[in-house]
């Protein structure tokens, strides 16, 4: 498995794994950004870009998930009096 494929795998796992996906997506995004500076081939560049896009989507989804979870906990504790 090459570094290019690892970037894509981290991006995909960041979307499908709950709660830990935020950490995975941050690592995947940083890893893909570092790889984009060093790779010149068009096929590798496409795979790295796809991994970075998946990582950014994972960051967005898990941030929304944490915000909704926080609001639901706040509402639960405020209304359970």
C-alpha atoms as a PDB file:
ATOM      1  CA  UNK A   1       0.000   0.000   0.000  1.00  0.00           C
ATOM      2  CA  UNK A   2       1.425   3.351  -0.981  1.00  0.00           C
ATOM      3  CA  UNK A   3       1.197   6.733   0.709  1.00  0.00           C
ATOM      4  CA  UNK A   4      -1.316   7.849  -1.895  1.00  0.00           C
ATOM      5  CA  UNK A   5      -3.706   5.040  -1.038  1.00  0.00           C
ATOM      6  CA  UNK A   6      -3.275   5.693   2.685  1.00  0.00           C
ATOM      7  CA  UNK A   7      -4.472   9.258   2.162  1.00  0.00           C
ATOM      8  CA  UNK A   8      -7.630   8.009   0.446  1.00  0.00           C
ATOM      9  CA  UNK A   9      -8.243   5.315   3.067  1.00  0.00           C
ATOM     10  CA  UNK A  10      -7.938   7.847   5.901  1.00  0.00           C
ATOM     11  CA  UNK A  11     -10.429  10.089   4.110  1.00  0.00           C
ATOM     12  CA  UNK A  12     -12.960   7.301   3.641  1.00  0.00           C
ATOM     13  CA  UNK A  13     -12.598   6.023   7.215  1.00  0.00           C
ATOM     14  CA  UNK A  14     -13.075   9.548   8.513  1.00  0.00           C
ATOM     15  CA  UNK A  15     -16.558   9.608   7.035  1.00  0.00           C
ATOM     16  CA  UNK A  16     -17.744   6.184   8.146  1.00  0.00           C
ATOM     17  CA  UNK A  17     -16.348   5.954  11.691  1.00  0.00           C
ATOM     18  CA  UNK A  18     -18.395   7.745  14.344  1.00  0.00           C
ATOM     19  CA  UNK A  19     -16.765   9.981  16.985  1.00  0.00           C
ATOM     20  CA  UNK A  20     -13.173   8.912  16.196  1.00  0.00           C
ATOM     21  CA  UNK A  21     -13.705  10.101  12.628  1.00  0.00           C
ATOM     22  CA  UNK A  22     -12.964  13.713  13.546  1.00  0.00           C
ATOM     23  CA  UNK A  23      -9.440  12.817  14.646  1.00  0.00           C
ATOM     24  CA  UNK A  24      -8.927  10.563  11.620  1.00  0.00           C
ATOM     25  CA  UNK A  25     -10.162  13.275   9.262  1.00  0.00           C
ATOM     26  CA  UNK A  26      -7.798  15.861  10.726  1.00  0.00           C
ATOM     27  CA  UNK A  27      -4.848  13.492  10.309  1.00  0.00           C
ATOM     28  CA  UNK A  28      -6.009  12.576   6.805  1.00  0.00           C
ATOM     29  CA  UNK A  29      -6.310  16.193   5.744  1.00  0.00           C
ATOM     30  CA  UNK A  30      -2.850  17.090   7.060  1.00  0.00           C
ATOM     31  CA  UNK A  31      -1.337  13.979   5.484  1.00  0.00           C
ATOM     32  CA  UNK A  32      -2.943  14.702   2.123  1.00  0.00           C
ATOM     33  CA  UNK A  33      -1.762  18.308   2.197  1.00  0.00           C
ATOM     34  CA  UNK A  34       1.820  17.177   2.805  1.00  0.00           C
ATOM     35  CA  UNK A  35       1.599  14.620   0.001  1.00  0.00           C
ATOM     36  CA  UNK A  36       0.209  17.125  -2.513  1.00  0.00           C
ATOM     37  CA  UNK A  37       3.427  19.140  -2.281  1.00  0.00           C
ATOM     38  CA  UNK A  38       5.613  16.176  -3.269  1.00  0.00           C
ATOM     39  CA  UNK A  39       3.602  14.242  -5.891  1.00  0.00           C
ATOM     40  CA  UNK A  40       3.768  15.145  -9.572  1.00  0.00           C
ATOM     41  CA  UNK A  41       1.854  12.346 -11.283  1.00  0.00           C
ATOM     42  CA  UNK A  42      -1.715  13.134 -12.363  1.00  0.00           C
ATOM     43  CA  UNK A  43      -3.161   9.813 -11.172  1.00  0.00           C
ATOM     44  CA  UNK A  44      -1.583  10.118  -7.727  1.00  0.00           C
ATOM     45  CA  UNK A  45      -2.682  13.747  -7.479  1.00  0.00           C
ATOM     46  CA  UNK A  46      -6.295  12.746  -8.159  1.00  0.00           C
ATOM     47  CA  UNK A  47      -6.230  10.078  -5.440  1.00  0.00           C
ATOM     48  CA  UNK A  48      -4.683  12.465  -2.920  1.00  0.00           C
ATOM     49  CA  UNK A  49      -7.233  15.142  -3.798  1.00  0.00           C
ATOM     50  CA  UNK A  50     -10.051  12.635  -3.341  1.00  0.00           C
ATOM     51  CA  UNK A  51      -8.632  11.673   0.053  1.00  0.00           C
ATOM     52  CA  UNK A  52      -8.410  15.312   1.085  1.00  0.00           C
ATOM     53  CA  UNK A  53     -11.988  15.992  -0.037  1.00  0.00           C
ATOM     54  CA  UNK A  54     -13.215  12.974   1.941  1.00  0.00           C
ATOM     55  CA  UNK A  55     -11.287  14.200   4.982  1.00  0.00           C
ATOM     56  CA  UNK A  56     -12.808  17.669   4.736  1.00  0.00           C
ATOM     57  CA  UNK A  57     -16.278  16.138   4.400  1.00  0.00           C
ATOM     58  CA  UNK A  58     -15.514  14.018   7.480  1.00  0.00           C
ATOM     59  CA  UNK A  59     -14.459  17.118   9.442  1.00  0.00           C
ATOM     60  CA  UNK A  60     -17.666  18.879   8.439  1.00  0.00           C
ATOM     61  CA  UNK A  61     -19.934  15.926   9.269  1.00  0.00           C
ATOM     62  CA  UNK A  62     -18.361  15.210  12.639  1.00  0.00           C
ATOM     63  CA  UNK A  63     -18.378  18.874  13.617  1.00  0.00           C
ATOM     64  CA  UNK A  64     -22.103  19.024  12.861  1.00  0.00           C
ATOM     65  CA  UNK A  65     -22.567  15.786  14.827  1.00  0.00           C
ATOM     66  CA  UNK A  66     -20.781  17.201  17.874  1.00  0.00           C
ATOM     67  CA  UNK A  67     -22.761  20.456  17.713  1.00  0.00           C
ATOM     68  CA  UNK A  68     -26.061  18.571  17.536  1.00  0.00           C
ATOM     69  CA  UNK A  69     -25.016  16.269  20.351  1.00  0.00           C
ATOM     70  CA  UNK A  70     -24.052  19.251  22.510  1.00  0.00           C
ATOM     71  CA  UNK A  71     -27.347  21.019  21.861  1.00  0.00           C
ATOM     72  CA  UNK A  72     -29.346  17.889  22.586  1.00  0.00           C
ATOM     73  CA  UNK A  73     -27.530  17.376  25.900  1.00  0.00           C
ATOM     74  CA  UNK A  74     -28.059  21.020  26.863  1.00  0.00           C
ATOM     75  CA  UNK A  75     -31.754  20.813  26.057  1.00  0.00           C
ATOM     76  CA  UNK A  76     -32.075  17.519  27.909  1.00  0.00           C
ATOM     77  CA  UNK A  77     -30.512  18.847  31.100  1.00  0.00           C
ATOM     78  CA  UNK A  78     -32.408  22.144  30.971  1.00  0.00           C
ATOM     79  CA  UNK A  79     -35.797  20.493  30.540  1.00  0.00           C
ATOM     80  CA  UNK A  80     -35.330  17.621  32.982  1.00  0.00           C
ATOM     81  CA  UNK A  81     -35.915  19.813  36.049  1.00  0.00           C
END
